[in-house]
């Protein structure tokens, strides 16, 4: 039986094997920004309002909704949220070491980030800048105020 995994970004440490990916679709709640430029996951990800999602992807599959927050290891602080998702999605009982997470940026996102850092350096006169950006959200600039909508 094929699977539909329903997820909210940011975590998706799942098996990345060709066999597994061929039977997987991702129904994403909370926005597709995280998946837009991902080289592997983008073609498997669908917004929850995607036209004919139920008929085309859900109806003939088992639907799995990972709940990592209910994992004993997570709520007893024995693993990270990424490890809890890994345990949920891959059906393992103990946390394991995961590779360092990476975010694939589209070119325009990288350029926008560089421009933002350059501007912050010019305005503050500092050599270093710390940028905090939540996963899966796009920054908006309204009249010089930079913010993340809906937070």
N, C-alpha and C. Protein backbone atom coordinates (compact mmCIF):
# COMPACT_ATOMS: atom_id res chain seq x y z
N UNK A 1 0.85 -1.19 0.00
CA UNK A 1 0.00 0.00 0.00
C UNK A 1 0.89 1.24 0.00
N UNK A 2 0.54 2.21 -0.82
CA UNK A 2 1.29 3.45 -0.87
C UNK A 2 0.94 4.32 0.33
N UNK A 3 1.81 5.27 0.63
CA UNK A 3 1.61 6.16 1.77
C UNK A 3 1.45 7.60 1.34
N UNK A 4 0.62 8.32 2.06
CA UNK A 4 0.58 9.78 1.99
C UNK A 4 0.99 10.24 3.37
N UNK A 5 2.07 10.98 3.47
CA UNK A 5 2.54 11.49 4.75
C UNK A 5 2.12 12.94 4.86
N UNK A 6 1.36 13.24 5.90
CA UNK A 6 0.89 14.61 6.12
C UNK A 6 1.84 15.28 7.09
N UNK A 7 2.41 16.40 6.68
CA UNK A 7 3.44 17.05 7.49
C UNK A 7 3.25 18.55 7.57
N UNK A 8 3.78 19.09 8.64
CA UNK A 8 4.01 20.53 8.72
C UNK A 8 5.50 20.74 8.75
N UNK A 9 6.03 21.68 7.95
CA UNK A 9 7.45 21.97 8.03
C UNK A 9 7.79 22.38 9.46
N UNK A 10 9.01 22.27 9.91
CA UNK A 10 10.21 22.23 9.13
C UNK A 10 10.84 20.86 8.97
N UNK A 11 10.46 19.86 9.75
CA UNK A 11 11.24 18.63 9.79
C UNK A 11 10.75 17.59 8.80
N UNK A 12 11.69 16.99 8.11
CA UNK A 12 11.37 15.86 7.25
C UNK A 12 12.60 14.96 7.06
N UNK A 13 13.08 14.38 8.16
CA UNK A 13 14.23 13.48 8.03
C UNK A 13 13.77 12.07 7.71
N UNK A 14 13.38 11.82 6.48
CA UNK A 14 12.85 10.51 6.14
C UNK A 14 13.79 9.73 5.27
N UNK A 15 13.47 8.47 5.08
CA UNK A 15 14.26 7.63 4.19
C UNK A 15 14.29 8.29 2.83
N UNK A 16 15.44 8.44 2.28
CA UNK A 16 15.55 9.07 0.98
C UNK A 16 16.03 8.04 -0.04
N UNK A 17 15.34 6.94 -0.10
CA UNK A 17 15.69 5.93 -1.09
C UNK A 17 14.72 6.04 -2.25
N UNK A 18 15.17 5.70 -3.42
CA UNK A 18 14.32 5.81 -4.61
C UNK A 18 13.06 4.98 -4.45
N UNK A 19 13.18 3.77 -3.92
CA UNK A 19 12.01 2.89 -3.73
C UNK A 19 10.99 3.55 -2.82
N UNK A 20 11.45 4.10 -1.70
CA UNK A 20 10.53 4.73 -0.75
C UNK A 20 9.88 5.97 -1.36
N UNK A 21 10.66 6.80 -2.06
CA UNK A 21 10.13 8.03 -2.61
C UNK A 21 9.11 7.78 -3.71
N UNK A 22 9.23 6.66 -4.42
CA UNK A 22 8.28 6.38 -5.49
C UNK A 22 6.87 6.16 -4.96
N UNK A 23 6.73 5.73 -3.69
CA UNK A 23 5.39 5.46 -3.16
C UNK A 23 4.93 6.53 -2.18
N UNK A 24 5.67 7.62 -2.11
CA UNK A 24 5.40 8.63 -1.11
C UNK A 24 4.88 9.91 -1.74
N UNK A 25 3.91 10.50 -1.09
CA UNK A 25 3.48 11.85 -1.41
C UNK A 25 3.41 12.59 -0.09
N UNK A 26 3.66 13.89 -0.11
CA UNK A 26 3.65 14.70 1.09
C UNK A 26 2.53 15.72 1.00
N UNK A 27 1.62 15.66 1.95
CA UNK A 27 0.58 16.68 2.05
C UNK A 27 1.06 17.66 3.10
N UNK A 28 1.33 18.89 2.68
CA UNK A 28 2.00 19.85 3.55
C UNK A 28 1.00 20.86 4.08
N UNK A 29 0.96 20.97 5.40
CA UNK A 29 0.19 22.03 6.05
C UNK A 29 1.17 23.10 6.49
N UNK A 30 0.84 24.35 6.31
CA UNK A 30 1.70 25.42 6.79
C UNK A 30 2.57 26.04 5.71
N UNK A 31 2.37 25.67 4.48
CA UNK A 31 3.09 26.34 3.41
C UNK A 31 4.13 25.47 2.73
N UNK A 32 4.33 25.75 1.46
CA UNK A 32 5.22 24.96 0.61
C UNK A 32 6.61 25.58 0.46
N UNK A 33 6.87 26.72 1.08
CA UNK A 33 8.15 27.40 0.86
C UNK A 33 9.34 26.50 1.12
N UNK A 34 9.29 25.68 2.15
CA UNK A 34 10.40 24.80 2.49
C UNK A 34 10.71 23.82 1.36
N UNK A 35 9.71 23.41 0.60
CA UNK A 35 9.88 22.38 -0.42
C UNK A 35 10.12 22.93 -1.82
N UNK A 36 9.88 24.21 -2.04
CA UNK A 36 9.91 24.78 -3.39
C UNK A 36 11.21 24.54 -4.13
N UNK A 37 12.33 24.68 -3.45
CA UNK A 37 13.60 24.51 -4.16
C UNK A 37 14.34 23.25 -3.72
N UNK A 38 13.68 22.37 -2.97
CA UNK A 38 14.34 21.15 -2.54
C UNK A 38 14.50 20.21 -3.73
N UNK A 39 15.72 19.74 -4.00
CA UNK A 39 15.97 18.97 -5.22
C UNK A 39 15.25 17.62 -5.28
N UNK A 40 14.88 17.05 -4.14
CA UNK A 40 14.23 15.74 -4.14
C UNK A 40 12.75 15.83 -3.78
N UNK A 41 12.43 16.58 -2.72
CA UNK A 41 11.08 16.54 -2.16
C UNK A 41 10.05 17.36 -2.90
N UNK A 42 10.46 18.38 -3.66
CA UNK A 42 9.49 19.27 -4.28
C UNK A 42 8.45 18.53 -5.13
N UNK A 43 8.89 17.57 -5.92
CA UNK A 43 7.95 16.89 -6.82
C UNK A 43 7.00 15.95 -6.08
N UNK A 44 7.24 15.69 -4.78
CA UNK A 44 6.37 14.81 -4.02
C UNK A 44 5.45 15.58 -3.07
N UNK A 45 5.60 16.90 -3.00
CA UNK A 45 4.89 17.70 -2.00
C UNK A 45 3.68 18.41 -2.61
N UNK A 46 2.59 18.44 -1.84
CA UNK A 46 1.33 19.06 -2.27
C UNK A 46 0.76 19.87 -1.11
N UNK A 47 0.27 21.08 -1.42
CA UNK A 47 -0.47 21.83 -0.41
C UNK A 47 -1.73 21.06 -0.07
N UNK A 48 -2.23 21.25 1.16
CA UNK A 48 -3.44 20.52 1.55
C UNK A 48 -4.67 20.97 0.76
N UNK A 49 -4.60 22.10 0.06
CA UNK A 49 -5.72 22.56 -0.78
C UNK A 49 -5.51 22.26 -2.26
N UNK A 50 -4.51 21.46 -2.59
CA UNK A 50 -4.20 21.12 -3.98
C UNK A 50 -5.43 20.50 -4.67
N UNK A 51 -5.73 20.95 -5.89
CA UNK A 51 -6.89 20.47 -6.64
C UNK A 51 -6.83 18.95 -6.80
N UNK A 52 -7.92 18.29 -6.47
CA UNK A 52 -8.09 16.84 -6.59
C UNK A 52 -7.09 16.04 -5.75
N UNK A 53 -6.57 16.62 -4.68
CA UNK A 53 -5.62 15.91 -3.83
C UNK A 53 -6.21 14.61 -3.28
N UNK A 54 -7.45 14.66 -2.83
CA UNK A 54 -8.06 13.45 -2.28
C UNK A 54 -8.17 12.36 -3.33
N UNK A 55 -8.73 12.69 -4.48
CA UNK A 55 -8.92 11.69 -5.54
C UNK A 55 -7.60 11.17 -6.10
N UNK A 56 -6.64 12.06 -6.30
CA UNK A 56 -5.39 11.68 -6.96
C UNK A 56 -4.34 11.08 -6.03
N UNK A 57 -4.29 11.50 -4.77
CA UNK A 57 -3.19 11.10 -3.90
C UNK A 57 -3.62 10.39 -2.62
N UNK A 58 -4.75 10.77 -2.05
CA UNK A 58 -5.12 10.25 -0.73
C UNK A 58 -5.98 8.99 -0.81
N UNK A 59 -6.96 8.98 -1.65
CA UNK A 59 -7.99 7.94 -1.67
C UNK A 59 -7.44 6.51 -1.71
N UNK A 60 -6.42 6.26 -2.48
CA UNK A 60 -5.89 4.90 -2.64
C UNK A 60 -4.67 4.63 -1.77
N UNK A 61 -4.42 5.46 -0.78
CA UNK A 61 -3.23 5.32 0.06
C UNK A 61 -3.59 5.30 1.52
N UNK A 62 -2.69 4.76 2.33
CA UNK A 62 -2.77 4.94 3.76
C UNK A 62 -2.28 6.35 4.06
N UNK A 63 -2.96 7.05 4.92
CA UNK A 63 -2.56 8.41 5.28
C UNK A 63 -1.90 8.35 6.65
N UNK A 64 -0.68 8.83 6.75
CA UNK A 64 0.09 8.81 7.98
C UNK A 64 0.33 10.25 8.41
N UNK A 65 -0.04 10.55 9.64
CA UNK A 65 0.18 11.88 10.20
C UNK A 65 1.13 11.74 11.38
N UNK A 66 2.42 11.99 11.17
CA UNK A 66 3.39 11.83 12.26
C UNK A 66 3.09 12.77 13.43
N UNK A 67 3.20 12.25 14.64
CA UNK A 67 3.01 13.04 15.86
C UNK A 67 4.25 12.91 16.73
N UNK A 68 5.34 13.57 16.36
CA UNK A 68 6.59 13.42 17.12
C UNK A 68 6.51 13.95 18.55
N UNK A 69 5.59 14.86 18.80
CA UNK A 69 5.48 15.45 20.14
C UNK A 69 4.98 14.44 21.16
N UNK A 70 4.42 13.34 20.70
CA UNK A 70 3.91 12.30 21.60
C UNK A 70 4.91 11.18 21.83
N UNK A 71 6.09 11.32 21.29
CA UNK A 71 7.16 10.32 21.48
C UNK A 71 7.79 10.49 22.86
N UNK A 72 7.90 9.38 23.61
CA UNK A 72 8.49 9.40 24.94
C UNK A 72 9.87 10.05 24.91
N UNK A 73 10.69 9.68 23.95
CA UNK A 73 12.04 10.23 23.86
C UNK A 73 12.03 11.74 23.70
N UNK A 74 11.04 12.27 22.98
CA UNK A 74 10.99 13.71 22.76
C UNK A 74 10.53 14.45 24.01
N UNK A 75 9.41 14.04 24.59
CA UNK A 75 8.92 14.82 25.72
C UNK A 75 9.72 14.60 26.99
N UNK A 76 10.61 13.61 27.00
CA UNK A 76 11.56 13.44 28.10
C UNK A 76 12.95 13.97 27.73
N UNK A 77 13.01 14.73 26.64
CA UNK A 77 14.22 15.42 26.19
C UNK A 77 15.39 14.45 25.95
N UNK A 78 15.07 13.29 25.39
CA UNK A 78 16.09 12.30 25.04
C UNK A 78 16.42 12.35 23.55
N UNK A 79 15.67 13.15 22.79
CA UNK A 79 15.96 13.31 21.37
C UNK A 79 15.45 14.67 20.90
N UNK A 80 15.93 15.09 19.75
CA UNK A 80 15.50 16.36 19.15
C UNK A 80 14.18 16.15 18.41
N UNK A 81 13.57 17.25 17.98
CA UNK A 81 12.34 17.14 17.19
C UNK A 81 12.62 16.45 15.86
N UNK A 82 13.78 16.69 15.27
CA UNK A 82 14.14 16.02 14.01
C UNK A 82 14.26 14.51 14.24
N UNK A 83 14.87 14.10 15.34
CA UNK A 83 14.98 12.67 15.63
C UNK A 83 13.62 12.06 15.91
N UNK A 84 12.73 12.81 16.57
CA UNK A 84 11.38 12.30 16.83
C UNK A 84 10.61 12.11 15.52
N UNK A 85 10.73 13.06 14.60
CA UNK A 85 10.12 12.88 13.27
C UNK A 85 10.71 11.67 12.57
N UNK A 86 12.02 11.50 12.65
CA UNK A 86 12.69 10.36 12.04
C UNK A 86 12.13 9.05 12.59
N UNK A 87 11.95 8.99 13.90
CA UNK A 87 11.40 7.78 14.53
C UNK A 87 9.98 7.53 14.05
N UNK A 88 9.17 8.58 14.00
CA UNK A 88 7.77 8.45 13.56
C UNK A 88 7.68 7.98 12.11
N UNK A 89 8.37 8.67 11.24
CA UNK A 89 8.25 8.41 9.81
C UNK A 89 8.86 7.08 9.41
N UNK A 90 9.97 6.72 10.03
CA UNK A 90 10.68 5.52 9.64
C UNK A 90 10.38 4.31 10.50
N UNK A 91 9.51 4.48 11.51
CA UNK A 91 9.09 3.34 12.32
C UNK A 91 10.21 2.74 13.16
N UNK A 92 11.09 3.58 13.69
CA UNK A 92 12.16 3.06 14.54
C UNK A 92 11.87 3.41 15.99
N UNK A 93 12.42 2.62 16.92
CA UNK A 93 12.10 2.76 18.33
C UNK A 93 13.06 3.63 19.13
N UNK A 94 14.25 3.82 18.63
CA UNK A 94 15.26 4.60 19.34
C UNK A 94 15.78 5.72 18.45
N UNK A 95 16.12 6.86 19.03
CA UNK A 95 16.69 7.93 18.21
C UNK A 95 18.05 7.52 17.65
N UNK A 96 18.36 8.05 16.49
CA UNK A 96 19.65 7.78 15.88
C UNK A 96 20.27 9.11 15.46
N UNK A 97 21.57 9.07 15.22
CA UNK A 97 22.25 10.26 14.74
C UNK A 97 21.78 10.56 13.32
N UNK A 98 21.46 11.81 13.08
CA UNK A 98 21.01 12.23 11.76
C UNK A 98 22.06 13.12 11.14
N UNK A 99 22.09 13.16 9.81
CA UNK A 99 23.04 14.07 9.18
C UNK A 99 22.67 15.52 9.49
N UNK A 100 23.65 16.39 9.39
CA UNK A 100 23.43 17.81 9.61
C UNK A 100 22.36 18.31 8.65
N UNK A 101 21.34 19.02 9.15
CA UNK A 101 20.28 19.50 8.24
C UNK A 101 20.79 20.56 7.29
N UNK A 102 20.22 20.59 6.11
CA UNK A 102 20.56 21.61 5.13
C UNK A 102 19.28 22.20 4.58
N UNK A 103 19.38 23.42 4.14
CA UNK A 103 18.25 24.08 3.49
C UNK A 103 18.71 24.46 2.09
N UNK A 104 17.96 24.06 1.10
CA UNK A 104 18.27 24.41 -0.28
C UNK A 104 17.52 25.70 -0.61
N UNK A 105 18.27 26.74 -0.95
CA UNK A 105 17.65 28.02 -1.28
C UNK A 105 17.54 28.18 -2.79
N UNK A 106 16.44 28.78 -3.21
CA UNK A 106 16.33 29.19 -4.60
C UNK A 106 17.29 30.37 -4.79
N UNK A 107 17.72 30.62 -6.01
CA UNK A 107 18.68 31.70 -6.26
C UNK A 107 18.19 33.04 -5.74
N UNK A 108 16.91 33.35 -5.98
CA UNK A 108 16.40 34.65 -5.53
C UNK A 108 16.41 34.76 -4.00
N UNK A 109 16.22 33.65 -3.29
CA UNK A 109 16.27 33.68 -1.84
C UNK A 109 17.70 33.96 -1.35
N UNK A 110 18.68 33.34 -1.99
CA UNK A 110 20.07 33.59 -1.63
C UNK A 110 20.48 35.02 -1.87
N UNK A 111 20.08 35.57 -3.02
CA UNK A 111 20.41 36.96 -3.34
C UNK A 111 19.72 37.91 -2.37
N UNK A 112 18.45 37.65 -2.07
CA UNK A 112 17.72 38.49 -1.13
C UNK A 112 18.39 38.45 0.25
N UNK A 113 18.86 37.29 0.66
CA UNK A 113 19.55 37.16 1.94
C UNK A 113 20.86 37.93 1.97
N UNK A 114 21.63 37.83 0.89
CA UNK A 114 22.90 38.58 0.81
C UNK A 114 22.65 40.08 0.86
N UNK A 115 21.63 40.54 0.15
CA UNK A 115 21.31 41.97 0.16
C UNK A 115 20.90 42.43 1.55
N UNK A 116 20.13 41.61 2.24
CA UNK A 116 19.69 41.95 3.59
C UNK A 116 20.88 42.05 4.54
N UNK A 117 21.81 41.10 4.45
CA UNK A 117 23.00 41.13 5.31
C UNK A 117 23.88 42.33 4.97
N UNK A 118 24.10 42.60 3.68
CA UNK A 118 24.89 43.76 3.28
C UNK A 118 24.29 45.05 3.82
N UNK A 119 22.98 45.18 3.73
CA UNK A 119 22.31 46.38 4.23
C UNK A 119 22.47 46.50 5.74
N UNK A 120 22.33 45.38 6.46
CA UNK A 120 22.47 45.42 7.92
C UNK A 120 23.88 45.82 8.32
N UNK A 121 24.89 45.35 7.60
CA UNK A 121 26.28 45.70 7.89
C UNK A 121 26.51 47.19 7.65
N UNK A 122 25.96 47.71 6.55
CA UNK A 122 26.11 49.14 6.25
C UNK A 122 25.43 50.01 7.30
N UNK A 123 24.22 49.64 7.70
CA UNK A 123 23.44 50.44 8.65
C UNK A 123 24.05 50.40 10.04
N UNK A 124 24.49 49.21 10.49
CA UNK A 124 25.00 49.08 11.86
C UNK A 124 26.48 49.38 11.99
N UNK A 125 27.22 49.26 10.89
CA UNK A 125 28.66 49.45 10.95
C UNK A 125 29.38 48.26 11.57
N UNK A 126 28.68 47.19 11.83
CA UNK A 126 29.28 45.98 12.41
C UNK A 126 29.80 45.08 11.30
N UNK A 127 30.78 44.24 11.64
CA UNK A 127 31.35 43.31 10.66
C UNK A 127 30.54 42.03 10.52
N UNK A 128 29.80 41.67 11.57
CA UNK A 128 29.05 40.42 11.58
C UNK A 128 27.58 40.69 11.86
N UNK A 129 26.73 39.86 11.28
CA UNK A 129 25.29 39.99 11.44
C UNK A 129 24.73 38.61 11.73
N UNK A 130 23.81 38.51 12.66
CA UNK A 130 23.11 37.26 12.92
C UNK A 130 21.71 37.40 12.34
N UNK A 131 21.33 36.46 11.47
CA UNK A 131 20.02 36.48 10.85
C UNK A 131 19.22 35.29 11.37
N UNK A 132 18.03 35.55 11.88
CA UNK A 132 17.15 34.49 12.35
C UNK A 132 15.97 34.44 11.40
N UNK A 133 15.78 33.29 10.76
CA UNK A 133 14.68 33.12 9.80
C UNK A 133 14.03 31.78 10.04
N UNK A 134 12.75 31.77 10.43
CA UNK A 134 12.06 30.48 10.61
C UNK A 134 12.02 29.69 9.30
N UNK A 135 12.08 28.37 9.40
CA UNK A 135 11.97 27.52 8.23
C UNK A 135 10.59 27.69 7.59
N UNK A 136 10.55 27.63 6.28
CA UNK A 136 9.29 27.58 5.57
C UNK A 136 8.50 28.86 5.47
N UNK A 137 9.04 29.96 5.87
CA UNK A 137 8.31 31.22 5.81
C UNK A 137 9.09 32.22 4.96
N UNK A 138 8.38 33.07 4.26
CA UNK A 138 9.02 34.12 3.47
C UNK A 138 9.00 35.43 4.23
N UNK A 139 10.10 36.14 4.20
CA UNK A 139 10.19 37.44 4.85
C UNK A 139 9.51 38.48 3.97
N UNK A 140 8.84 39.42 4.59
CA UNK A 140 8.20 40.51 3.86
C UNK A 140 8.83 41.83 4.31
N UNK A 141 8.89 42.78 3.41
CA UNK A 141 9.41 44.10 3.69
C UNK A 141 8.29 45.10 3.42
N UNK A 142 7.80 45.72 4.47
CA UNK A 142 6.73 46.72 4.34
C UNK A 142 7.26 48.04 4.86
N UNK A 143 7.56 48.94 3.96
CA UNK A 143 8.02 50.27 4.36
C UNK A 143 9.29 50.26 5.20
N UNK A 144 10.18 49.32 4.91
CA UNK A 144 11.42 49.25 5.67
C UNK A 144 11.37 48.37 6.90
N UNK A 145 10.17 47.86 7.26
CA UNK A 145 10.04 46.93 8.37
C UNK A 145 10.05 45.52 7.82
N UNK A 146 11.01 44.74 8.26
CA UNK A 146 11.14 43.36 7.77
C UNK A 146 10.52 42.44 8.81
N UNK A 147 9.61 41.59 8.35
CA UNK A 147 8.89 40.71 9.29
C UNK A 147 8.47 39.43 8.59
N UNK A 148 8.05 38.47 9.42
CA UNK A 148 7.52 37.21 8.91
C UNK A 148 6.01 37.25 9.14
N UNK A 149 5.21 37.13 8.07
CA UNK A 149 3.76 37.21 8.23
C UNK A 149 3.21 36.01 9.02
N UNK A 150 2.10 36.21 9.66
CA UNK A 150 1.36 35.15 10.37
C UNK A 150 2.09 34.59 11.59
N UNK A 151 3.05 35.33 12.11
CA UNK A 151 3.71 34.86 13.34
C UNK A 151 3.51 35.90 14.40
